[in-house]
Amino acid sequence: MKLSTQIKPISYLKAHAAEIVRTLKEQREPMIITQNGEAKVVIQDIESFEETQQTMALLKILALGNTQISEGKVQSATSVIDRLRSRKDK
């Protein structure tokens, strides 16, 4: 993904909104919108956004797991399996 080709001024967004929506959906690459020469927003298609959100959620879960491991908040797989089996038997 080469972001330099996806940088457009806000005036371009205003004048070509429908075309931009089509392009974002087809290319699945984000577009950076500038205002007064500064990057202000990033727009992207909904599928890419949802994938990004899912990825972020997984990364948060992994980070939480790593934190729990470093804090010693872990149990052996054997003890967890035994506890689950005892619940099933009740």
PDB file of N, CA and C in Angstrom:
ATOM      1  N   MET A   1       0.851  -1.168   0.000  1.00  0.00           N
ATOM      2  CA  MET A   1       0.000   0.000   0.000  1.00  0.00           C
ATOM      3  C   MET A   1       0.896   1.230   0.000  1.00  0.00           C
ATOM      4  N   LYS A   2       0.703   2.066  -0.984  1.00  0.00           N
ATOM      5  CA  LYS A   2       1.484   3.291  -1.101  1.00  0.00           C
ATOM      6  C   LYS A   2       0.579   4.476  -0.785  1.00  0.00           C
ATOM      7  N   LEU A   3       0.690   4.975   0.438  1.00  0.00           N
ATOM      8  CA  LEU A   3      -0.215   6.029   0.882  1.00  0.00           C
ATOM      9  C   LEU A   3      -0.026   7.338   0.133  1.00  0.00           C
ATOM     10  N   SER A   4       1.146   7.577  -0.410  1.00  0.00           N
ATOM     11  CA  SER A   4       1.383   8.857  -1.091  1.00  0.00           C
ATOM     12  C   SER A   4       0.439   9.070  -2.268  1.00  0.00           C
ATOM     13  N   THR A   5      -0.064   7.995  -2.848  1.00  0.00           N
ATOM     14  CA  THR A   5      -1.021   8.139  -3.953  1.00  0.00           C
ATOM     15  C   THR A   5      -2.440   8.312  -3.447  1.00  0.00           C
ATOM     16  N   GLN A   6      -2.641   8.156  -2.167  1.00  0.00           N
ATOM     17  CA  GLN A   6      -3.973   8.216  -1.579  1.00  0.00           C
ATOM     18  C   GLN A   6      -4.166   9.464  -0.711  1.00  0.00           C
ATOM     19  N   ILE A   7      -3.417  10.503  -0.954  1.00  0.00           N
ATOM     20  CA  ILE A   7      -3.549  11.752  -0.206  1.00  0.00           C
ATOM     21  C   ILE A   7      -4.269  12.765  -1.084  1.00  0.00           C
ATOM     22  N   LYS A   8      -5.387  13.266  -0.585  1.00  0.00           N
ATOM     23  CA  LYS A   8      -6.202  14.204  -1.360  1.00  0.00           C
ATOM     24  C   LYS A   8      -6.640  15.363  -0.470  1.00  0.00           C
ATOM     25  N   PRO A   9      -6.794  16.553  -1.053  1.00  0.00           N
ATOM     26  CA  PRO A   9      -7.297  17.691  -0.273  1.00  0.00           C
ATOM     27  C   PRO A   9      -8.799  17.550  -0.039  1.00  0.00           C
ATOM     28  N   ILE A  10      -9.282  18.241   0.950  1.00  0.00           N
ATOM     29  CA  ILE A  10     -10.699  18.172   1.294  1.00  0.00           C
ATOM     30  C   ILE A  10     -11.578  18.638   0.142  1.00  0.00           C
ATOM     31  N   SER A  11     -11.075  19.560  -0.680  1.00  0.00           N
ATOM     32  CA  SER A  11     -11.856  20.019  -1.837  1.00  0.00           C
ATOM     33  C   SER A  11     -12.098  18.878  -2.824  1.00  0.00           C
ATOM     34  N   TYR A  12     -11.120  17.983  -2.963  1.00  0.00           N
ATOM     35  CA  TYR A  12     -11.294  16.813  -3.831  1.00  0.00           C
ATOM     36  C   TYR A  12     -12.381  15.905  -3.273  1.00  0.00           C
ATOM     37  N   LEU A  13     -12.388  15.719  -1.965  1.00  0.00           N
ATOM     38  CA  LEU A  13     -13.416  14.903  -1.328  1.00  0.00           C
ATOM     39  C   LEU A  13     -14.802  15.490  -1.582  1.00  0.00           C
ATOM     40  N   LYS A  14     -14.926  16.787  -1.428  1.00  0.00           N
ATOM     41  CA  LYS A  14     -16.216  17.441  -1.646  1.00  0.00           C
ATOM     42  C   LYS A  14     -16.694  17.293  -3.086  1.00  0.00           C
ATOM     43  N   ALA A  15     -15.783  17.390  -4.037  1.00  0.00           N
ATOM     44  CA  ALA A  15     -16.148  17.363  -5.454  1.00  0.00           C
ATOM     45  C   ALA A  15     -16.320  15.956  -6.013  1.00  0.00           C
ATOM     46  N   HIS A  16     -15.723  14.958  -5.368  1.00  0.00           N
ATOM     47  CA  HIS A  16     -15.712  13.604  -5.934  1.00  0.00           C
ATOM     48  C   HIS A  16     -16.152  12.539  -4.931  1.00  0.00           C
ATOM     49  N   ALA A  17     -17.074  12.853  -4.055  1.00  0.00           N
ATOM     50  CA  ALA A  17     -17.455  11.938  -2.978  1.00  0.00           C
ATOM     51  C   ALA A  17     -17.891  10.563  -3.494  1.00  0.00           C
ATOM     52  N   ALA A  18     -18.778  10.523  -4.470  1.00  0.00           N
ATOM     53  CA  ALA A  18     -19.276   9.230  -4.977  1.00  0.00           C
ATOM     54  C   ALA A  18     -18.148   8.409  -5.593  1.00  0.00           C
ATOM     55  N   GLU A  19     -17.292   9.052  -6.340  1.00  0.00           N
ATOM     56  CA  GLU A  19     -16.150   8.364  -6.965  1.00  0.00           C
ATOM     57  C   GLU A  19     -15.203   7.824  -5.891  1.00  0.00           C
ATOM     58  N   ILE A  20     -14.975   8.602  -4.863  1.00  0.00           N
ATOM     59  CA  ILE A  20     -14.086   8.180  -3.778  1.00  0.00           C
ATOM     60  C   ILE A  20     -14.652   6.953  -3.071  1.00  0.00           C
ATOM     61  N   VAL A  21     -15.947   6.955  -2.819  1.00  0.00           N
ATOM     62  CA  VAL A  21     -16.580   5.804  -2.163  1.00  0.00           C
ATOM     63  C   VAL A  21     -16.399   4.555  -3.023  1.00  0.00           C
ATOM     64  N   ARG A  22     -16.619   4.678  -4.323  1.00  0.00           N
ATOM     65  CA  ARG A  22     -16.418   3.539  -5.232  1.00  0.00           C
ATOM     66  C   ARG A  22     -14.972   3.059  -5.192  1.00  0.00           C
ATOM     67  N   THR A  23     -14.036   3.982  -5.257  1.00  0.00           N
ATOM     68  CA  THR A  23     -12.620   3.636  -5.274  1.00  0.00           C
ATOM     69  C   THR A  23     -12.194   2.965  -3.974  1.00  0.00           C
ATOM     70  N   LEU A  24     -12.652   3.500  -2.859  1.00  0.00           N
ATOM     71  CA  LEU A  24     -12.307   2.902  -1.571  1.00  0.00           C
ATOM     72  C   LEU A  24     -12.809   1.470  -1.477  1.00  0.00           C
ATOM     73  N   LYS A  25     -14.020   1.249  -1.953  1.00  0.00           N
ATOM     74  CA  LYS A  25     -14.588  -0.103  -1.906  1.00  0.00           C
ATOM     75  C   LYS A  25     -13.818  -1.060  -2.812  1.00  0.00           C
ATOM     76  N   GLU A  26     -13.451  -0.600  -3.999  1.00  0.00           N
ATOM     77  CA  GLU A  26     -12.748  -1.464  -4.952  1.00  0.00           C
ATOM     78  C   GLU A  26     -11.305  -1.729  -4.531  1.00  0.00           C
ATOM     79  N   GLN A  27     -10.591  -0.675  -4.156  1.00  0.00           N
ATOM     80  CA  GLN A  27      -9.157  -0.816  -3.876  1.00  0.00           C
ATOM     81  C   GLN A  27      -8.857  -1.258  -2.447  1.00  0.00           C
ATOM     82  N   ARG A  28      -9.807  -1.008  -1.540  1.00  0.00           N
ATOM     83  CA  ARG A  28      -9.643  -1.373  -0.128  1.00  0.00           C
ATOM     84  C   ARG A  28      -8.376  -0.781   0.472  1.00  0.00           C
ATOM     85  N   GLU A  29      -8.080   0.448   0.087  1.00  0.00           N
ATOM     86  CA  GLU A  29      -6.953   1.183   0.649  1.00  0.00           C
ATOM     87  C   GLU A  29      -7.492   2.465   1.266  1.00  0.00           C
ATOM     88  N   PRO A  30      -6.970   2.865   2.414  1.00  0.00           N
ATOM     89  CA  PRO A  30      -7.450   4.094   3.033  1.00  0.00           C
ATOM     90  C   PRO A  30      -7.030   5.325   2.233  1.00  0.00           C
ATOM     91  N   MET A  31      -7.749   6.418   2.446  1.00  0.00           N
ATOM     92  CA  MET A  31      -7.415   7.683   1.804  1.00  0.00           C
ATOM     93  C   MET A  31      -7.213   8.727   2.894  1.00  0.00           C
ATOM     94  N   ILE A  32      -6.168   9.507   2.752  1.00  0.00           N
ATOM     95  CA  ILE A  32      -5.868  10.566   3.706  1.00  0.00           C
ATOM     96  C   ILE A  32      -6.380  11.874   3.131  1.00  0.00           C
ATOM     97  N   ILE A  33      -7.172  12.579   3.929  1.00  0.00           N
ATOM     98  CA  ILE A  33      -7.722  13.862   3.499  1.00  0.00           C
ATOM     99  C   ILE A  33      -6.979  14.973   4.233  1.00  0.00           C
ATOM    100  N   THR A  34      -6.534  15.953   3.456  1.00  0.00           N
ATOM    101  CA  THR A  34      -5.800  17.075   4.032  1.00  0.00           C
ATOM    102  C   THR A  34      -6.665  18.326   4.059  1.00  0.00           C
ATOM    103  N   GLN A  35      -6.324  19.194   4.983  1.00  0.00           N
ATOM    104  CA  GLN A  35      -6.966  20.505   5.068  1.00  0.00           C
ATOM    105  C   GLN A  35      -5.864  21.505   5.390  1.00  0.00           C
ATOM    106  N   ASN A  36      -5.765  22.530   4.566  1.00  0.00           N
ATOM    107  CA  ASN A  36      -4.701  23.523   4.712  1.00  0.00           C
ATOM    108  C   ASN A  36      -3.320  22.874   4.725  1.00  0.00           C
ATOM    109  N   GLY A  37      -3.154  21.833   3.900  1.00  0.00           N
ATOM    110  CA  GLY A  37      -1.860  21.179   3.757  1.00  0.00           C
ATOM    111  C   GLY A  37      -1.497  20.191   4.848  1.00  0.00           C
ATOM    112  N   GLU A  38      -2.374  19.987   5.817  1.00  0.00           N
ATOM    113  CA  GLU A  38      -2.103  19.051   6.906  1.00  0.00           C
ATOM    114  C   GLU A  38      -3.070  17.877   6.842  1.00  0.00           C
ATOM    115  N   ALA A  39      -2.554  16.686   7.122  1.00  0.00           N
ATOM    116  CA  ALA A  39      -3.412  15.506   7.178  1.00  0.00           C
ATOM    117  C   ALA A  39      -4.397  15.672   8.323  1.00  0.00           C
ATOM    118  N   LYS A  40      -5.686  15.480   8.043  1.00  0.00           N
ATOM    119  CA  LYS A  40      -6.719  15.668   9.065  1.00  0.00           C
ATOM    120  C   LYS A  40      -7.509  14.399   9.360  1.00  0.00           C
ATOM    121  N   VAL A  41      -7.869  13.632   8.318  1.00  0.00           N
ATOM    122  CA  VAL A  41      -8.659  12.422   8.529  1.00  0.00           C
ATOM    123  C   VAL A  41      -8.213  11.319   7.578  1.00  0.00           C
ATOM    124  N   VAL A  42      -8.557  10.117   7.967  1.00  0.00           N
ATOM    125  CA  VAL A  42      -8.349   8.948   7.108  1.00  0.00           C
ATOM    126  C   VAL A  42      -9.720   8.329   6.891  1.00  0.00           C
ATOM    127  N   ILE A  43     -10.052   8.033   5.643  1.00  0.00           N
ATOM    128  CA  ILE A  43     -11.307   7.353   5.347  1.00  0.00           C
ATOM    129  C   ILE A  43     -10.996   6.007   4.698  1.00  0.00           C
ATOM    130  N   GLN A  44     -11.876   5.049   4.957  1.00  0.00           N
ATOM    131  CA  GLN A  44     -11.674   3.718   4.392  1.00  0.00           C
ATOM    132  C   GLN A  44     -13.020   3.032   4.228  1.00  0.00           C
ATOM    133  N   ASP A  45     -13.022   1.950   3.447  1.00  0.00           N
ATOM    134  CA  ASP A  45     -14.254   1.195   3.233  1.00  0.00           C
ATOM    135  C   ASP A  45     -14.611   0.437   4.507  1.00  0.00           C
ATOM    136  N   ILE A  46     -15.874   0.080   4.627  1.00  0.00           N
ATOM    137  CA  ILE A  46     -16.378  -0.532   5.856  1.00  0.00           C
ATOM    138  C   ILE A  46     -15.763  -1.898   6.121  1.00  0.00           C
ATOM    139  N   GLU A  47     -15.529  -2.698   5.078  1.00  0.00           N
ATOM    140  CA  GLU A  47     -14.938  -4.024   5.291  1.00  0.00           C
ATOM    141  C   GLU A  47     -13.545  -3.906   5.887  1.00  0.00           C
ATOM    142  N   SER A  48     -12.750  -2.979   5.365  1.00  0.00           N
ATOM    143  CA  SER A  48     -11.403  -2.770   5.901  1.00  0.00           C
ATOM    144  C   SER A  48     -11.470  -2.272   7.342  1.00  0.00           C
ATOM    145  N   PHE A  49     -12.407  -1.375   7.613  1.00  0.00           N
ATOM    146  CA  PHE A  49     -12.574  -0.858   8.966  1.00  0.00           C
ATOM    147  C   PHE A  49     -12.921  -1.984   9.939  1.00  0.00           C
ATOM    148  N   GLU A  50     -13.860  -2.851   9.543  1.00  0.00           N
ATOM    149  CA  GLU A  50     -14.249  -3.963  10.406  1.00  0.00           C
ATOM    150  C   GLU A  50     -13.084  -4.917  10.648  1.00  0.00           C
ATOM    151  N   GLU A  51     -12.304  -5.195   9.611  1.00  0.00           N
ATOM    152  CA  GLU A  51     -11.131  -6.058   9.771  1.00  0.00           C
ATOM    153  C   GLU A  51     -10.131  -5.427  10.734  1.00  0.00           C
ATOM    154  N   THR A  52      -9.939  -4.132  10.614  1.00  0.00           N
ATOM    155  CA  THR A  52      -9.021  -3.420  11.504  1.00  0.00           C
ATOM    156  C   THR A  52      -9.508  -3.511  12.948  1.00  0.00           C
ATOM    157  N   GLN A  53     -10.813  -3.329  13.161  1.00  0.00           N
ATOM    158  CA  GLN A  53     -11.367  -3.405  14.504  1.00  0.00           C
ATOM    159  C   GLN A  53     -11.203  -4.805  15.092  1.00  0.00           C
ATOM    160  N   GLN A  54     -11.421  -5.834  14.273  1.00  0.00           N
ATOM    161  CA  GLN A  54     -11.236  -7.206  14.745  1.00  0.00           C
ATOM    162  C   GLN A  54      -9.775  -7.468  15.106  1.00  0.00           C
ATOM    163  N   THR A  55      -8.871  -6.976  14.279  1.00  0.00           N
ATOM    164  CA  THR A  55      -7.446  -7.137  14.547  1.00  0.00           C
ATOM    165  C   THR A  55      -7.064  -6.444  15.849  1.00  0.00           C
ATOM    166  N   MET A  56      -7.580  -5.238  16.047  1.00  0.00           N
ATOM    167  CA  MET A  56      -7.292  -4.501  17.280  1.00  0.00           C
ATOM    168  C   MET A  56      -7.823  -5.248  18.506  1.00  0.00           C
ATOM    169  N   ALA A  57      -9.004  -5.828  18.386  1.00  0.00           N
ATOM    170  CA  ALA A  57      -9.574  -6.585  19.501  1.00  0.00           C
ATOM    171  C   ALA A  57      -8.698  -7.790  19.842  1.00  0.00           C
ATOM    172  N   LEU A  58      -8.226  -8.491  18.820  1.00  0.00           N
ATOM    173  CA  LEU A  58      -7.344  -9.636  19.056  1.00  0.00           C
ATOM    174  C   LEU A  58      -6.030  -9.211  19.692  1.00  0.00           C
ATOM    175  N   LEU A  59      -5.482  -8.095  19.227  1.00  0.00           N
ATOM    176  CA  LEU A  59      -4.232  -7.596  19.809  1.00  0.00           C
ATOM    177  C   LEU A  59      -4.417  -7.200  21.271  1.00  0.00           C
ATOM    178  N   LYS A  60      -5.573  -6.634  21.606  1.00  0.00           N
ATOM    179  CA  LYS A  60      -5.850  -6.281  23.001  1.00  0.00           C
ATOM    180  C   LYS A  60      -5.938  -7.531  23.863  1.00  0.00           C
ATOM    181  N   ILE A  61      -6.571  -8.575  23.337  1.00  0.00           N
ATOM    182  CA  ILE A  61      -6.667  -9.841  24.072  1.00  0.00           C
ATOM    183  C   ILE A  61      -5.279 -10.422  24.296  1.00  0.00           C
ATOM    184  N   LEU A  62      -4.439 -10.388  23.264  1.00  0.00           N
ATOM    185  CA  LEU A  62      -3.068 -10.893  23.406  1.00  0.00           C
ATOM    186  C   LEU A  62      -2.282 -10.084  24.429  1.00  0.00           C
ATOM    187  N   ALA A  63      -2.424  -8.764  24.391  1.00  0.00           N
ATOM    188  CA  ALA A  63      -1.722  -7.912  25.349  1.00  0.00           C
ATOM    189  C   ALA A  63      -2.189  -8.206  26.768  1.00  0.00           C
ATOM    190  N   LEU A  64      -3.491  -8.396  26.947  1.00  0.00           N
ATOM    191  CA  LEU A  64      -4.022  -8.732  28.264  1.00  0.00           C
ATOM    192  C   LEU A  64      -3.457 -10.063  28.743  1.00  0.00           C
ATOM    193  N   GLY A  65      -3.407 -11.037  27.839  1.00  0.00           N
ATOM    194  CA  GLY A  65      -2.839 -12.339  28.183  1.00  0.00           C
ATOM    195  C   GLY A  65      -1.384 -12.230  28.589  1.00  0.00           C
ATOM    196  N   ASN A  66      -0.616 -11.443  27.863  1.00  0.00           N
ATOM    197  CA  ASN A  66       0.795 -11.261  28.205  1.00  0.00           C
ATOM    198  C   ASN A  66       0.951 -10.576  29.560  1.00  0.00           C
ATOM    199  N   THR A  67       0.084  -9.623  29.846  1.00  0.00           N
ATOM    200  CA  THR A  67       0.121  -8.949  31.146  1.00  0.00           C
ATOM    201  C   THR A  67      -0.184  -9.941  32.261  1.00  0.00           C
ATOM    202  N   GLN A  68      -1.195 -10.766  32.057  1.00  0.00           N
ATOM    203  CA  GLN A  68      -1.548 -11.755  33.072  1.00  0.00           C
ATOM    204  C   GLN A  68      -0.420 -12.766  33.278  1.00  0.00           C
ATOM    205  N   ILE A  69       0.246 -13.149  32.213  1.00  0.00           N
ATOM    206  CA  ILE A  69       1.381 -14.077  32.332  1.00  0.00           C
ATOM    207  C   ILE A  69       2.500 -13.434  33.138  1.00  0.00           C
ATOM    208  N   SER A  70       2.816 -12.180  32.822  1.00  0.00           N
ATOM    209  CA  SER A  70       3.908 -11.506  33.533  1.00  0.00           C
ATOM    210  C   SER A  70       3.569 -11.265  35.002  1.00  0.00           C
ATOM    211  N   GLU A  71       2.284 -11.167  35.328  1.00  0.00           N
ATOM    212  CA  GLU A  71       1.847 -10.990  36.715  1.00  0.00           C
ATOM    213  C   GLU A  71       1.668 -12.321  37.432  1.00  0.00           C
ATOM    214  N   GLY A  72       1.897 -13.408  36.724  1.00  0.00           N
ATOM    215  CA  GLY A  72       1.769 -14.729  37.335  1.00  0.00           C
ATOM    216  C   GLY A  72       0.342 -15.194  37.499  1.00  0.00           C
ATOM    217  N   LYS A  73      -0.583 -14.575  36.806  1.00  0.00           N
ATOM    218  CA  LYS A  73      -1.996 -14.950  36.898  1.00  0.00           C
ATOM    219  C   LYS A  73      -2.300 -16.039  35.870  1.00  0.00           C
ATOM    220  N   VAL A  74      -1.683 -17.194  36.056  1.00  0.00           N
ATOM    221  CA  VAL A  74      -1.858 -18.296  35.115  1.00  0.00           C
ATOM    222  C   VAL A  74      -2.197 -19.573  35.871  1.00  0.00           C
ATOM    223  N   GLN A  75      -2.773 -20.509  35.161  1.00  0.00           N
ATOM    224  CA  GLN A  75      -3.065 -21.829  35.700  1.00  0.00           C
ATOM    225  C   GLN A  75      -2.588 -22.847  34.682  1.00  0.00           C
ATOM    226  N   SER A  76      -2.230 -24.001  35.155  1.00  0.00           N
ATOM    227  CA  SER A  76      -1.798 -25.040  34.224  1.00  0.00           C
ATOM    228  C   SER A  76      -3.002 -25.550  33.433  1.00  0.00           C
ATOM    229  N   ALA A  77      -2.735 -26.012  32.254  1.00  0.00           N
ATOM    230  CA  ALA A  77      -3.801 -26.544  31.410  1.00  0.00           C
ATOM    231  C   ALA A  77      -4.471 -27.738  32.096  1.00  0.00           C
ATOM    232  N   THR A  78      -3.686 -28.537  32.781  1.00  0.00           N
ATOM    233  CA  THR A  78      -4.226 -29.710  33.466  1.00  0.00           C
ATOM    234  C   THR A  78      -5.251 -29.310  34.521  1.00  0.00           C
ATOM    235  N   SER A  79      -4.943 -28.284  35.311  1.00  0.00           N
ATOM    236  CA  SER A  79      -5.885 -27.884  36.366  1.00  0.00           C
ATOM    237  C   SER A  79      -7.156 -27.285  35.772  1.00  0.00           C
ATOM    238  N   VAL A  80      -7.037 -26.570  34.687  1.00  0.00           N
ATOM    239  CA  VAL A  80      -8.216 -26.001  34.028  1.00  0.00           C
ATOM    240  C   VAL A  80      -9.092 -27.116  33.460  1.00  0.00           C
ATOM    241  N   ILE A  81      -8.476 -28.079  32.812  1.00  0.00           N
ATOM    242  CA  ILE A  81      -9.230 -29.210  32.239  1.00  0.00           C
ATOM    243  C   ILE A  81      -9.918 -30.004  33.342  1.00  0.00           C
ATOM    244  N   ASP A  82      -9.204 -30.244  34.433  1.00  0.00           N
ATOM    245  CA  ASP A  82      -9.813 -30.968  35.555  1.00  0.00           C
ATOM    246  C   ASP A  82     -11.012 -30.217  36.107  1.00  0.00           C
ATOM    247  N   ARG A  83     -10.888 -28.897  36.265  1.00  0.00           N
ATOM    248  CA  ARG A  83     -11.988 -28.091  36.788  1.00  0.00           C
ATOM    249  C   ARG A  83     -13.185 -28.129  35.838  1.00  0.00           C
ATOM    250  N   LEU A  84     -12.945 -28.049  34.522  1.00  0.00           N
ATOM    251  CA  LEU A  84     -14.027 -28.105  33.542  1.00  0.00           C
ATOM    252  C   LEU A  84     -14.716 -29.466  33.556  1.00  0.00           C
ATOM    253  N   ARG A  85     -13.928 -30.525  33.689  1.00  0.00           N
ATOM    254  CA  ARG A  85     -14.510 -31.869  33.738  1.00  0.00           C
ATOM    255  C   ARG A  85     -15.373 -32.041  34.983  1.00  0.00           C
ATOM    256  N   SER A  86     -14.920 -31.490  36.097  1.00  0.00           N
ATOM    257  CA  SER A  86     -15.716 -31.632  37.323  1.00  0.00           C
ATOM    258  C   SER A  86     -17.027 -30.849  37.225  1.00  0.00           C
ATOM    259  N   ARG A  87     -17.028 -29.721  36.540  1.00  0.00           N
ATOM    260  CA  ARG A  87     -18.258 -28.968  36.322  1.00  0.00           C
ATOM    261  C   ARG A  87     -19.218 -29.746  35.430  1.00  0.00           C
ATOM    262  N   LYS A  88     -18.660 -30.393  34.420  1.00  0.00           N
ATOM    263  CA  LYS A  88     -19.480 -31.160  33.479  1.00  0.00           C
ATOM    264  C   LYS A  88     -20.157 -32.324  34.178  1.00  0.00           C
ATOM    265  N   ASP A  89     -19.446 -32.936  35.115  1.00  0.00           N
ATOM    266  CA  ASP A  89     -19.962 -34.120  35.808  1.00  0.00           C
ATOM    267  C   ASP A  89     -21.060 -33.769  36.813  1.00  0.00           C
ATOM    268  N   LYS A  90     -21.147 -32.522  37.237  1.00  0.00           N
ATOM    269  CA  LYS A  90     -22.144 -32.130  38.250  1.00  0.00           C
ATOM    270  C   LYS A  90     -23.507 -32.002  37.703  1.00  0.00           C
TER     271      LYS A  90
END
